[in-house]
């Protein structure tokens, strides 16, 4: 455990700095969680929601997995979305990918890596749907980055296909779903110019009848 001592020391220093800057911070944090944002991002250690957004603990609810996927059979992700929407009453869901994503890059190849191959199949499906566009991009790095963008857009649609989000819209809740992408080389977020805030903006086949 000696090699972890630095982590506990970092934690103590961080706690002290927070209390010095705002003596009541932890009292407020322990009594209430009321974020306006749900962030669905990649597990990549370089892509931390609070740091990127400049928000303190308590201001963004976070779900992360490899390549920021929203899979209709993933009860973990769906449970996070339900809690964020129905309990925390978030107003914005942000799906954020990042350029140079290892999961996206791996999904473009044919090598086997084990269990993760089944997860990355979801990105292969995105590639297949945009095969013609991607095939016209000669450079592998550029093609990978474009697939990172297309993957974010696909996951935004997947969020909107859930009955969780559609029920919130039906109830008149202010809720918008956004697609962002992050560039590691400069630390900047980019808006992919997609914002869905009503069931009418969802493809007809995915619209559900409300109970």
N, C-alpha and C. Protein backbone atom coordinates (compact mmCIF):
# COMPACT_ATOMS: atom_id res chain seq x y z
N UNK A 1 0.82 -1.22 0.00
CA UNK A 1 0.00 0.00 0.00
C UNK A 1 0.85 1.27 0.00
N UNK A 2 2.16 1.11 0.26
CA UNK A 2 3.01 2.30 0.36
C UNK A 2 2.97 3.12 -0.91
N UNK A 3 2.85 2.44 -2.07
CA UNK A 3 2.86 3.18 -3.33
C UNK A 3 1.60 4.00 -3.54
N UNK A 4 0.58 3.80 -2.70
CA UNK A 4 -0.65 4.58 -2.78
C UNK A 4 -0.68 5.74 -1.80
N UNK A 5 0.34 5.85 -0.97
CA UNK A 5 0.35 6.91 0.04
C UNK A 5 0.24 8.29 -0.59
N UNK A 6 0.83 8.46 -1.76
CA UNK A 6 0.78 9.77 -2.43
C UNK A 6 -0.65 10.17 -2.76
N UNK A 7 -1.49 9.17 -3.07
CA UNK A 7 -2.89 9.48 -3.39
C UNK A 7 -3.62 10.02 -2.17
N UNK A 8 -3.40 9.40 -1.02
CA UNK A 8 -4.05 9.88 0.20
C UNK A 8 -3.53 11.26 0.60
N UNK A 9 -2.25 11.48 0.37
CA UNK A 9 -1.68 12.79 0.66
C UNK A 9 -2.29 13.85 -0.27
N UNK A 10 -2.43 13.50 -1.54
CA UNK A 10 -3.08 14.42 -2.49
C UNK A 10 -4.50 14.73 -2.05
N UNK A 11 -5.21 13.70 -1.57
CA UNK A 11 -6.58 13.89 -1.13
C UNK A 11 -6.66 14.82 0.07
N UNK A 12 -5.78 14.63 1.03
CA UNK A 12 -5.78 15.50 2.20
C UNK A 12 -5.48 16.94 1.82
N UNK A 13 -4.54 17.13 0.91
CA UNK A 13 -4.21 18.48 0.46
C UNK A 13 -5.37 19.13 -0.27
N UNK A 14 -6.03 18.34 -1.11
CA UNK A 14 -7.19 18.86 -1.84
C UNK A 14 -8.31 19.25 -0.88
N UNK A 15 -8.60 18.38 0.08
CA UNK A 15 -9.65 18.68 1.06
C UNK A 15 -9.33 19.94 1.84
N UNK A 16 -8.07 20.08 2.22
CA UNK A 16 -7.68 21.28 2.98
C UNK A 16 -7.86 22.54 2.13
N UNK A 17 -7.44 22.48 0.86
CA UNK A 17 -7.57 23.65 -0.01
C UNK A 17 -9.03 24.03 -0.22
N UNK A 18 -9.89 23.03 -0.39
CA UNK A 18 -11.31 23.31 -0.59
C UNK A 18 -11.92 23.96 0.65
N UNK A 19 -11.56 23.45 1.84
CA UNK A 19 -12.12 24.01 3.07
C UNK A 19 -11.59 25.41 3.34
N UNK A 20 -10.34 25.66 2.97
CA UNK A 20 -9.80 27.00 3.14
C UNK A 20 -10.48 28.00 2.22
N UNK A 21 -10.77 27.57 0.99
CA UNK A 21 -11.42 28.46 0.03
C UNK A 21 -12.90 28.66 0.34
N UNK A 22 -13.54 27.61 0.88
CA UNK A 22 -14.98 27.66 1.14
C UNK A 22 -15.28 26.75 2.33
N UNK A 23 -15.28 27.28 3.55
CA UNK A 23 -15.45 26.45 4.75
C UNK A 23 -16.73 25.61 4.76
N UNK A 24 -17.77 26.05 4.07
CA UNK A 24 -19.02 25.30 4.10
C UNK A 24 -19.22 24.36 2.93
N UNK A 25 -18.18 24.21 2.10
CA UNK A 25 -18.34 23.45 0.86
C UNK A 25 -18.77 22.01 1.12
N UNK A 26 -18.08 21.29 1.98
CA UNK A 26 -18.38 19.87 2.18
C UNK A 26 -19.71 19.67 2.91
N UNK A 27 -20.10 20.61 3.76
CA UNK A 27 -21.41 20.51 4.40
C UNK A 27 -22.51 20.58 3.36
N UNK A 28 -22.38 21.52 2.43
CA UNK A 28 -23.40 21.63 1.36
C UNK A 28 -23.36 20.42 0.45
N UNK A 29 -22.15 19.97 0.12
CA UNK A 29 -22.01 18.86 -0.81
C UNK A 29 -22.61 17.57 -0.25
N UNK A 30 -22.45 17.34 1.05
CA UNK A 30 -22.94 16.11 1.66
C UNK A 30 -24.45 16.11 1.86
N UNK A 31 -25.07 17.28 1.81
CA UNK A 31 -26.51 17.36 2.09
C UNK A 31 -27.36 17.42 0.83
N UNK A 32 -26.75 17.73 -0.33
CA UNK A 32 -27.57 17.91 -1.53
C UNK A 32 -26.76 17.63 -2.78
N UNK A 33 -27.38 16.92 -3.73
CA UNK A 33 -26.81 16.72 -5.06
C UNK A 33 -27.82 17.25 -6.07
N UNK A 34 -27.48 18.34 -6.75
CA UNK A 34 -28.44 18.95 -7.68
C UNK A 34 -27.75 19.45 -8.95
N UNK A 35 -27.10 18.55 -9.69
CA UNK A 35 -26.43 18.98 -10.92
C UNK A 35 -27.43 19.28 -12.03
N UNK A 36 -27.05 20.16 -12.95
CA UNK A 36 -27.88 20.45 -14.11
C UNK A 36 -27.49 19.59 -15.31
N UNK A 37 -26.33 18.93 -15.20
CA UNK A 37 -25.78 18.24 -16.36
C UNK A 37 -25.51 16.76 -16.08
N UNK A 38 -25.82 15.94 -17.07
CA UNK A 38 -25.36 14.56 -17.10
C UNK A 38 -24.34 14.46 -18.23
N UNK A 39 -23.17 13.96 -17.90
CA UNK A 39 -22.08 13.79 -18.87
C UNK A 39 -21.91 12.31 -19.15
N UNK A 40 -22.02 11.92 -20.40
CA UNK A 40 -21.75 10.55 -20.82
C UNK A 40 -20.49 10.61 -21.66
N UNK A 41 -19.39 10.12 -21.09
CA UNK A 41 -18.10 10.28 -21.75
C UNK A 41 -17.31 8.99 -21.79
N UNK A 42 -16.10 9.11 -22.32
CA UNK A 42 -15.20 7.97 -22.46
C UNK A 42 -14.44 7.72 -21.16
N UNK A 43 -14.08 6.47 -20.92
CA UNK A 43 -13.32 6.10 -19.73
C UNK A 43 -11.87 6.56 -19.78
N UNK A 44 -11.42 7.04 -20.91
CA UNK A 44 -10.03 7.49 -21.07
C UNK A 44 -9.62 8.38 -19.90
N UNK A 45 -8.48 8.06 -19.30
CA UNK A 45 -8.05 8.77 -18.09
C UNK A 45 -7.74 10.24 -18.34
N UNK A 46 -7.61 10.62 -19.60
CA UNK A 46 -7.27 12.01 -19.93
C UNK A 46 -8.49 12.88 -20.14
N UNK A 47 -9.69 12.28 -20.03
CA UNK A 47 -10.91 13.01 -20.34
C UNK A 47 -11.80 13.05 -19.10
N UNK A 48 -11.56 14.01 -18.22
CA UNK A 48 -12.28 14.14 -16.96
C UNK A 48 -13.31 15.25 -17.06
N UNK A 49 -14.57 14.91 -16.85
CA UNK A 49 -15.66 15.86 -17.07
C UNK A 49 -15.52 17.13 -16.24
N UNK A 50 -15.34 17.00 -14.93
CA UNK A 50 -15.26 18.19 -14.08
C UNK A 50 -14.12 19.11 -14.48
N UNK A 51 -12.97 18.51 -14.78
CA UNK A 51 -11.81 19.32 -15.15
C UNK A 51 -12.06 20.05 -16.47
N UNK A 52 -12.57 19.34 -17.46
CA UNK A 52 -12.79 19.92 -18.78
C UNK A 52 -13.83 21.04 -18.73
N UNK A 53 -14.89 20.82 -17.96
CA UNK A 53 -15.97 21.80 -17.88
C UNK A 53 -15.71 22.91 -16.87
N UNK A 54 -14.67 22.74 -16.06
CA UNK A 54 -14.37 23.75 -15.05
C UNK A 54 -15.42 23.78 -13.95
N UNK A 55 -15.97 22.61 -13.61
CA UNK A 55 -17.01 22.52 -12.59
C UNK A 55 -16.48 21.79 -11.36
N UNK A 56 -17.00 22.15 -10.22
CA UNK A 56 -16.60 21.52 -8.97
C UNK A 56 -17.47 20.29 -8.71
N UNK A 57 -17.06 19.42 -7.77
CA UNK A 57 -17.88 18.26 -7.42
C UNK A 57 -19.31 18.68 -7.06
N UNK A 58 -20.27 17.92 -7.57
CA UNK A 58 -21.68 18.22 -7.31
C UNK A 58 -22.37 18.93 -8.45
N UNK A 59 -21.60 19.39 -9.45
CA UNK A 59 -22.20 20.18 -10.52
C UNK A 59 -22.42 19.40 -11.82
N UNK A 60 -21.87 18.19 -11.91
CA UNK A 60 -22.11 17.37 -13.10
C UNK A 60 -22.17 15.91 -12.67
N UNK A 61 -23.21 15.20 -13.14
CA UNK A 61 -23.37 13.77 -12.88
C UNK A 61 -22.71 13.04 -14.05
N UNK A 62 -21.94 12.00 -13.76
CA UNK A 62 -21.05 11.44 -14.78
C UNK A 62 -21.24 9.94 -14.97
N UNK A 63 -21.30 9.54 -16.24
CA UNK A 63 -21.21 8.13 -16.61
C UNK A 63 -20.12 8.01 -17.67
N UNK A 64 -19.20 7.06 -17.47
CA UNK A 64 -18.13 6.87 -18.44
C UNK A 64 -17.98 5.40 -18.79
N UNK A 65 -17.73 5.14 -20.06
CA UNK A 65 -17.40 3.78 -20.51
C UNK A 65 -16.50 3.89 -21.73
N UNK A 66 -16.00 2.78 -22.20
CA UNK A 66 -15.10 2.81 -23.36
C UNK A 66 -15.84 3.32 -24.59
N UNK A 67 -15.35 4.43 -25.12
CA UNK A 67 -15.87 5.05 -26.35
C UNK A 67 -17.24 5.69 -26.18
N UNK A 68 -17.59 6.05 -24.96
CA UNK A 68 -18.82 6.81 -24.67
C UNK A 68 -20.06 6.28 -25.41
N UNK A 69 -20.34 5.00 -25.21
CA UNK A 69 -21.46 4.36 -25.89
C UNK A 69 -22.73 4.39 -25.04
N UNK A 70 -23.87 4.48 -25.71
CA UNK A 70 -25.18 4.34 -25.08
C UNK A 70 -25.87 3.18 -25.77
N UNK A 71 -25.82 2.01 -25.13
CA UNK A 71 -26.32 0.78 -25.73
C UNK A 71 -27.65 0.43 -25.09
N UNK A 72 -28.63 0.08 -25.89
CA UNK A 72 -30.00 -0.10 -25.39
C UNK A 72 -30.12 -1.24 -24.39
N UNK A 73 -29.12 -2.14 -24.34
CA UNK A 73 -29.17 -3.24 -23.39
C UNK A 73 -28.23 -3.04 -22.20
N UNK A 74 -27.60 -1.89 -22.10
CA UNK A 74 -26.65 -1.60 -21.02
C UNK A 74 -27.41 -1.02 -19.83
N UNK A 75 -27.75 -1.88 -18.87
CA UNK A 75 -28.55 -1.44 -17.73
C UNK A 75 -27.79 -0.44 -16.85
N UNK A 76 -26.48 -0.50 -16.84
CA UNK A 76 -25.69 0.45 -16.07
C UNK A 76 -25.92 1.87 -16.61
N UNK A 77 -25.69 2.04 -17.90
CA UNK A 77 -25.86 3.36 -18.51
C UNK A 77 -27.30 3.83 -18.41
N UNK A 78 -28.24 2.95 -18.69
CA UNK A 78 -29.65 3.34 -18.65
C UNK A 78 -30.07 3.72 -17.23
N UNK A 79 -29.54 3.03 -16.23
CA UNK A 79 -29.86 3.37 -14.84
C UNK A 79 -29.32 4.75 -14.49
N UNK A 80 -28.13 5.07 -14.97
CA UNK A 80 -27.58 6.40 -14.74
C UNK A 80 -28.46 7.47 -15.38
N UNK A 81 -28.87 7.23 -16.62
CA UNK A 81 -29.73 8.20 -17.31
C UNK A 81 -31.04 8.36 -16.55
N UNK A 82 -31.65 7.26 -16.12
CA UNK A 82 -32.92 7.35 -15.41
C UNK A 82 -32.77 8.13 -14.11
N UNK A 83 -31.73 7.84 -13.34
CA UNK A 83 -31.53 8.55 -12.08
C UNK A 83 -31.29 10.03 -12.33
N UNK A 84 -30.48 10.33 -13.34
CA UNK A 84 -30.17 11.73 -13.64
C UNK A 84 -31.42 12.50 -14.07
N UNK A 85 -32.24 11.87 -14.90
CA UNK A 85 -33.42 12.55 -15.46
C UNK A 85 -34.57 12.59 -14.46
N UNK A 86 -34.87 11.46 -13.84
CA UNK A 86 -36.08 11.37 -13.02
C UNK A 86 -35.87 11.79 -11.58
N UNK A 87 -34.67 11.62 -11.05
CA UNK A 87 -34.42 11.97 -9.65
C UNK A 87 -33.68 13.29 -9.52
N UNK A 88 -32.56 13.41 -10.24
CA UNK A 88 -31.78 14.64 -10.14
C UNK A 88 -32.37 15.78 -10.97
N UNK A 89 -33.22 15.44 -11.96
CA UNK A 89 -33.87 16.45 -12.80
C UNK A 89 -32.85 17.28 -13.58
N UNK A 90 -31.86 16.63 -14.15
CA UNK A 90 -30.90 17.36 -14.96
C UNK A 90 -31.61 18.00 -16.15
N UNK A 91 -31.04 19.07 -16.66
CA UNK A 91 -31.63 19.80 -17.78
C UNK A 91 -30.87 19.57 -19.09
N UNK A 92 -29.65 19.03 -18.97
CA UNK A 92 -28.83 18.80 -20.16
C UNK A 92 -28.13 17.45 -20.04
N UNK A 93 -28.18 16.67 -21.12
CA UNK A 93 -27.40 15.45 -21.23
C UNK A 93 -26.36 15.69 -22.31
N UNK A 94 -25.10 15.55 -21.94
CA UNK A 94 -24.00 15.78 -22.87
C UNK A 94 -23.32 14.46 -23.18
N UNK A 95 -23.34 14.06 -24.44
CA UNK A 95 -22.54 12.93 -24.88
C UNK A 95 -21.24 13.51 -25.42
N UNK A 96 -20.12 13.14 -24.83
CA UNK A 96 -18.84 13.73 -25.24
C UNK A 96 -17.85 12.64 -25.60
N UNK A 97 -17.42 12.66 -26.85
CA UNK A 97 -16.34 11.80 -27.29
C UNK A 97 -15.04 12.58 -27.33
N UNK A 98 -13.99 11.95 -27.83
CA UNK A 98 -12.73 12.69 -27.98
C UNK A 98 -11.98 12.17 -29.19
N UNK A 99 -11.29 13.08 -29.85
CA UNK A 99 -10.48 12.70 -30.99
C UNK A 99 -9.35 11.78 -30.54
N UNK A 100 -8.97 10.87 -31.41
CA UNK A 100 -7.92 9.92 -31.06
C UNK A 100 -8.37 8.84 -30.10
N UNK A 101 -9.66 8.58 -30.03
CA UNK A 101 -10.19 7.58 -29.09
C UNK A 101 -9.68 6.19 -29.45
N UNK A 102 -9.05 5.53 -28.48
CA UNK A 102 -8.51 4.20 -28.72
C UNK A 102 -9.56 3.16 -29.05
N UNK A 103 -10.74 3.29 -28.40
CA UNK A 103 -11.82 2.35 -28.68
C UNK A 103 -12.30 2.47 -30.11
N UNK A 104 -12.44 3.69 -30.60
CA UNK A 104 -12.87 3.92 -31.98
C UNK A 104 -11.81 3.40 -32.95
N UNK A 105 -10.55 3.70 -32.66
CA UNK A 105 -9.45 3.24 -33.53
C UNK A 105 -9.43 1.72 -33.61
N UNK A 106 -9.57 1.06 -32.46
CA UNK A 106 -9.55 -0.40 -32.43
C UNK A 106 -10.71 -0.99 -33.20
N UNK A 107 -11.88 -0.34 -33.09
CA UNK A 107 -13.07 -0.85 -33.78
C UNK A 107 -12.92 -0.79 -35.30
N UNK A 108 -12.01 0.03 -35.79
CA UNK A 108 -11.81 0.14 -37.23
C UNK A 108 -10.94 -1.00 -37.78
N UNK A 109 -10.33 -1.76 -36.89
CA UNK A 109 -9.46 -2.84 -37.31
C UNK A 109 -10.13 -4.20 -37.24
N UNK A 110 -9.34 -5.25 -37.35
CA UNK A 110 -9.88 -6.62 -37.41
C UNK A 110 -9.26 -7.55 -36.37
N UNK A 111 -8.37 -7.02 -35.55
CA UNK A 111 -7.73 -7.87 -34.53
C UNK A 111 -8.72 -8.22 -33.42
N UNK A 112 -8.51 -9.38 -32.80
CA UNK A 112 -9.33 -9.80 -31.67
C UNK A 112 -8.63 -9.44 -30.36
N UNK A 113 -9.43 -8.93 -29.41
CA UNK A 113 -8.89 -8.57 -28.10
C UNK A 113 -9.66 -9.21 -26.95
N UNK A 114 -10.66 -10.01 -27.26
CA UNK A 114 -11.41 -10.68 -26.21
C UNK A 114 -12.80 -10.10 -26.01
N UNK A 115 -13.21 -10.01 -24.75
CA UNK A 115 -14.56 -9.56 -24.42
C UNK A 115 -14.89 -8.20 -25.02
N UNK A 116 -13.92 -7.32 -25.06
CA UNK A 116 -14.18 -5.96 -25.53
C UNK A 116 -14.62 -5.93 -27.00
N UNK A 117 -14.31 -6.98 -27.76
CA UNK A 117 -14.72 -7.02 -29.16
C UNK A 117 -16.23 -6.89 -29.30
N UNK A 118 -16.96 -7.47 -28.34
CA UNK A 118 -18.43 -7.41 -28.39
C UNK A 118 -18.92 -5.99 -28.13
N UNK A 119 -18.23 -5.27 -27.25
CA UNK A 119 -18.59 -3.88 -26.97
C UNK A 119 -18.30 -2.98 -28.17
N UNK A 120 -17.13 -3.18 -28.78
CA UNK A 120 -16.73 -2.34 -29.91
C UNK A 120 -17.53 -2.63 -31.17
N UNK A 121 -18.25 -3.74 -31.19
CA UNK A 121 -19.14 -4.01 -32.32
C UNK A 121 -20.10 -2.86 -32.56
N UNK A 122 -20.48 -2.19 -31.48
CA UNK A 122 -21.40 -1.06 -31.62
C UNK A 122 -20.79 0.06 -32.46
N UNK A 123 -19.48 0.25 -32.35
CA UNK A 123 -18.82 1.28 -33.16
C UNK A 123 -18.66 0.79 -34.60
N UNK A 124 -18.42 -0.49 -34.77
CA UNK A 124 -18.37 -1.05 -36.13
C UNK A 124 -19.70 -0.83 -36.84
N UNK A 125 -20.79 -0.93 -36.10
CA UNK A 125 -22.10 -0.67 -36.70
C UNK A 125 -22.21 0.77 -37.19
N UNK A 126 -21.66 1.71 -36.42
CA UNK A 126 -21.65 3.12 -36.84
C UNK A 126 -20.81 3.26 -38.11
N UNK A 127 -19.65 2.61 -38.13
CA UNK A 127 -18.79 2.65 -39.32
C UNK A 127 -19.54 2.11 -40.53
N UNK A 128 -20.23 1.00 -40.34
CA UNK A 128 -20.95 0.38 -41.46
C UNK A 128 -22.02 1.32 -42.02
N UNK A 129 -22.71 2.04 -41.14
CA UNK A 129 -23.76 2.95 -41.59
C UNK A 129 -23.20 4.14 -42.37
N UNK A 130 -21.93 4.45 -42.15
CA UNK A 130 -21.31 5.61 -42.81
C UNK A 130 -20.12 5.16 -43.66
N UNK A 131 -20.20 3.96 -44.18
CA UNK A 131 -19.08 3.35 -44.89
C UNK A 131 -18.62 4.20 -46.08
N UNK A 132 -19.56 4.70 -46.86
CA UNK A 132 -19.21 5.46 -48.07
C UNK A 132 -18.48 6.75 -47.71
N UNK A 133 -19.02 7.49 -46.73
CA UNK A 133 -18.37 8.74 -46.33
C UNK A 133 -16.97 8.48 -45.79
N UNK A 134 -16.84 7.52 -44.90
CA UNK A 134 -15.55 7.25 -44.28
C UNK A 134 -14.55 6.71 -45.29
N UNK A 135 -15.03 5.96 -46.27
CA UNK A 135 -14.15 5.39 -47.28
C UNK A 135 -13.51 6.43 -48.17
N UNK A 136 -14.07 7.63 -48.19
CA UNK A 136 -13.53 8.70 -49.01
C UNK A 136 -12.49 9.56 -48.27
N UNK A 137 -12.19 9.21 -47.03
CA UNK A 137 -11.19 9.94 -46.24
C UNK A 137 -9.91 9.12 -46.26
N UNK A 138 -8.88 9.56 -47.00
CA UNK A 138 -7.70 8.71 -47.19
C UNK A 138 -6.82 8.53 -45.96
N UNK A 139 -6.65 9.57 -45.16
CA UNK A 139 -5.74 9.48 -44.02
C UNK A 139 -6.41 8.77 -42.84
N UNK A 140 -5.72 7.78 -42.27
CA UNK A 140 -6.30 7.00 -41.17
C UNK A 140 -6.67 7.88 -39.98
N UNK A 141 -5.79 8.82 -39.62
CA UNK A 141 -6.08 9.68 -38.47
C UNK A 141 -7.34 10.51 -38.69
N UNK A 142 -7.48 11.07 -39.89
CA UNK A 142 -8.66 11.87 -40.20
C UNK A 142 -9.91 11.00 -40.23
N UNK A 143 -9.77 9.80 -40.76
CA UNK A 143 -10.91 8.87 -40.82
C UNK A 143 -11.34 8.47 -39.41
N UNK A 144 -10.36 8.23 -38.54
CA UNK A 144 -10.67 7.88 -37.16
C UNK A 144 -11.37 9.03 -36.45
N UNK A 145 -10.87 10.25 -36.65
CA UNK A 145 -11.49 11.41 -36.00
C UNK A 145 -12.92 11.62 -36.48
N UNK A 146 -13.15 11.41 -37.76
CA UNK A 146 -14.53 11.55 -38.27
C UNK A 146 -15.43 10.48 -37.67
N UNK A 147 -14.90 9.25 -37.50
CA UNK A 147 -15.72 8.21 -36.88
C UNK A 147 -15.99 8.55 -35.41
N UNK A 148 -15.03 9.20 -34.74
CA UNK A 148 -15.28 9.67 -33.37
C UNK A 148 -16.47 10.61 -33.33
N UNK A 149 -16.55 11.53 -34.30
CA UNK A 149 -17.68 12.46 -34.38
C UNK A 149 -18.98 11.72 -34.67
N UNK A 150 -18.94 10.84 -35.65
CA UNK A 150 -20.15 10.09 -36.02
C UNK A 150 -20.63 9.21 -34.88
N UNK A 151 -19.70 8.68 -34.11
CA UNK A 151 -20.07 7.86 -32.96
C UNK A 151 -20.81 8.70 -31.92
N UNK A 152 -20.32 9.91 -31.65
CA UNK A 152 -21.02 10.80 -30.71
C UNK A 152 -22.45 11.06 -31.20
N UNK A 153 -22.60 11.38 -32.47
CA UNK A 153 -23.93 11.67 -33.01
C UNK A 153 -24.86 10.45 -32.88
N UNK A 154 -24.30 9.26 -33.08
CA UNK A 154 -25.10 8.04 -32.93
C UNK A 154 -25.54 7.84 -31.49
N UNK A 155 -24.68 8.17 -30.54
CA UNK A 155 -25.03 7.99 -29.14
C UNK A 155 -26.02 9.04 -28.66
N UNK A 156 -25.96 10.23 -29.23
CA UNK A 156 -26.98 11.24 -28.94
C UNK A 156 -28.35 10.71 -29.35
N UNK A 157 -28.41 10.13 -30.54
CA UNK A 157 -29.68 9.55 -30.98
C UNK A 157 -30.12 8.43 -30.06
N UNK A 158 -29.18 7.61 -29.61
CA UNK A 158 -29.52 6.50 -28.72
C UNK A 158 -30.09 6.99 -27.40
N UNK A 159 -29.55 8.09 -26.87
CA UNK A 159 -30.10 8.68 -25.65
C UNK A 159 -31.55 9.11 -25.89
N UNK A 160 -31.78 9.74 -27.03
CA UNK A 160 -33.12 10.24 -27.34
C UNK A 160 -34.12 9.13 -27.61
N UNK A 161 -33.63 7.95 -27.97
CA UNK A 161 -34.53 6.82 -28.23
C UNK A 161 -35.06 6.19 -26.95
N UNK A 162 -34.48 6.50 -25.81
CA UNK A 162 -34.92 5.88 -24.56
C UNK A 162 -36.27 6.42 -24.12
N UNK A 163 -37.06 5.55 -23.51
CA UNK A 163 -38.34 6.01 -22.96
C UNK A 163 -38.11 6.97 -21.79
N UNK A 164 -36.97 6.87 -21.16
CA UNK A 164 -36.65 7.77 -20.04
C UNK A 164 -36.69 9.22 -20.50
N UNK A 165 -35.97 9.49 -21.57
CA UNK A 165 -35.89 10.86 -22.09
C UNK A 165 -37.22 11.27 -22.73
N UNK A 166 -37.83 10.36 -23.47
CA UNK A 166 -39.09 10.71 -24.13
C UNK A 166 -40.21 10.95 -23.12
N UNK A 167 -40.22 10.22 -22.02
CA UNK A 167 -41.21 10.46 -20.98
C UNK A 167 -41.01 11.83 -20.33
N UNK A 168 -39.76 12.23 -20.19
CA UNK A 168 -39.48 13.55 -19.63
C UNK A 168 -40.00 14.64 -20.54
N UNK A 169 -39.78 14.48 -21.83
CA UNK A 169 -40.32 15.46 -22.78
C UNK A 169 -41.84 15.49 -22.76
N UNK A 170 -42.44 14.30 -22.68
CA UNK A 170 -43.91 14.22 -22.65
C UNK A 170 -44.48 14.94 -21.44
N UNK A 171 -43.72 14.92 -20.34
CA UNK A 171 -44.17 15.58 -19.11
C UNK A 171 -43.88 17.08 -19.11
N UNK A 172 -43.30 17.56 -20.21
CA UNK A 172 -43.01 18.98 -20.30
C UNK A 172 -41.73 19.41 -19.63
N UNK A 173 -40.88 18.45 -19.31
CA UNK A 173 -39.62 18.76 -18.64
C UNK A 173 -38.65 19.45 -19.61
N UNK A 174 -37.93 20.48 -19.16
CA UNK A 174 -36.89 21.08 -20.00
C UNK A 174 -35.66 20.18 -20.01
N UNK A 175 -35.44 19.49 -21.12
CA UNK A 175 -34.33 18.54 -21.20
C UNK A 175 -33.78 18.55 -22.62
N UNK A 176 -32.50 18.80 -22.76
CA UNK A 176 -31.86 18.82 -24.08
C UNK A 176 -30.69 17.85 -24.09
N UNK A 177 -30.48 17.20 -25.23
CA UNK A 177 -29.38 16.26 -25.40
C UNK A 177 -28.41 16.85 -26.43
N UNK A 178 -27.12 16.88 -26.07
CA UNK A 178 -26.11 17.54 -26.88
C UNK A 178 -24.99 16.58 -27.24
N UNK A 179 -24.28 16.87 -28.34
CA UNK A 179 -23.11 16.11 -28.72
C UNK A 179 -21.88 17.00 -28.77
N UNK A 180 -20.88 16.68 -27.94
CA UNK A 180 -19.62 17.42 -27.91
C UNK A 180 -18.47 16.47 -28.24
N UNK A 181 -17.34 17.04 -28.63
CA UNK A 181 -16.13 16.26 -28.79
C UNK A 181 -14.95 17.07 -28.27
N UNK A 182 -13.99 16.36 -27.71
CA UNK A 182 -12.86 16.98 -27.00
C UNK A 182 -11.57 16.65 -27.72
N UNK A 183 -10.72 17.68 -27.85
CA UNK A 183 -9.42 17.47 -28.49
C UNK A 183 -8.33 17.44 -27.43
N UNK A 184 -7.64 16.34 -27.33
CA UNK A 184 -6.61 16.18 -26.31
C UNK A 184 -5.44 17.13 -26.51
N UNK A 185 -5.15 17.49 -27.75
CA UNK A 185 -3.95 18.26 -28.04
C UNK A 185 -4.04 19.71 -27.60
N UNK A 186 -5.26 20.23 -27.40
CA UNK A 186 -5.37 21.62 -26.93
C UNK A 186 -6.33 21.77 -25.75
N UNK A 187 -6.99 20.69 -25.34
CA UNK A 187 -7.87 20.74 -24.18
C UNK A 187 -9.19 21.44 -24.43
N UNK A 188 -9.58 21.59 -25.69
CA UNK A 188 -10.80 22.35 -26.00
C UNK A 188 -11.95 21.43 -26.42
N UNK A 189 -13.14 21.79 -25.95
CA UNK A 189 -14.37 21.13 -26.37
C UNK A 189 -14.88 21.74 -27.67
N UNK A 190 -15.52 20.91 -28.48
CA UNK A 190 -16.14 21.39 -29.72
C UNK A 190 -17.58 20.90 -29.77
N UNK A 191 -18.48 21.81 -30.09
CA UNK A 191 -19.90 21.49 -30.21
C UNK A 191 -20.14 20.90 -31.59
N UNK A 192 -20.72 19.71 -31.66
CA UNK A 192 -21.00 19.08 -32.94
C UNK A 192 -22.32 19.54 -33.53
N UNK A 193 -22.86 20.60 -32.95
CA UNK A 193 -24.05 21.27 -33.50
C UNK A 193 -25.26 20.35 -33.58
N UNK A 194 -25.41 19.50 -32.57
CA UNK A 194 -26.62 18.70 -32.46
C UNK A 194 -27.23 18.96 -31.09
N UNK A 195 -28.51 19.30 -31.09
CA UNK A 195 -29.24 19.57 -29.85
C UNK A 195 -30.66 19.08 -30.05
N UNK A 196 -31.04 18.08 -29.27
CA UNK A 196 -32.39 17.50 -29.39
C UNK A 196 -33.13 17.77 -28.09
N UNK A 197 -34.30 18.40 -28.21
CA UNK A 197 -35.03 18.78 -27.00
C UNK A 197 -36.52 18.45 -27.07
N UNK A 198 -36.92 17.63 -28.05
CA UNK A 198 -38.33 17.25 -28.16
C UNK A 198 -38.45 15.95 -28.93
N UNK A 199 -39.50 15.17 -28.63
CA UNK A 199 -39.69 13.89 -29.29
C UNK A 199 -39.92 14.06 -30.78
N UNK A 200 -40.45 15.21 -31.18
CA UNK A 200 -40.71 15.46 -32.60
C UNK A 200 -39.43 15.50 -33.42
N UNK A 201 -38.29 15.68 -32.75
CA UNK A 201 -37.01 15.72 -33.44
C UNK A 201 -36.38 14.35 -33.58
N UNK A 202 -37.03 13.33 -33.06
CA UNK A 202 -36.53 11.96 -33.11
C UNK A 202 -37.15 11.24 -34.31
N UNK A 203 -36.37 10.41 -34.99
CA UNK A 203 -36.90 9.64 -36.11
C UNK A 203 -38.15 8.88 -35.69
N UNK A 204 -39.15 8.87 -36.58
CA UNK A 204 -40.49 8.38 -36.24
C UNK A 204 -40.48 6.97 -35.68
N UNK A 205 -39.67 6.08 -36.23
CA UNK A 205 -39.70 4.69 -35.79
C UNK A 205 -39.31 4.53 -34.34
N UNK A 206 -38.56 5.50 -33.79
CA UNK A 206 -38.09 5.40 -32.42
C UNK A 206 -38.98 6.15 -31.43
N UNK A 207 -40.01 6.82 -31.92
CA UNK A 207 -40.89 7.54 -30.99
C UNK A 207 -41.82 6.54 -30.32
N UNK A 208 -41.91 6.68 -28.99
CA UNK A 208 -42.71 5.74 -28.22
C UNK A 208 -44.00 6.40 -27.76
N UNK A 209 -45.06 5.59 -27.69
CA UNK A 209 -46.31 6.08 -27.11
C UNK A 209 -46.13 6.28 -25.61
N UNK A 210 -46.62 7.39 -25.13
CA UNK A 210 -46.47 7.69 -23.71
C UNK A 210 -47.57 7.01 -22.90
N UNK A 211 -47.26 6.52 -21.70
CA UNK A 211 -48.28 5.81 -20.90
C UNK A 211 -49.35 6.79 -20.41
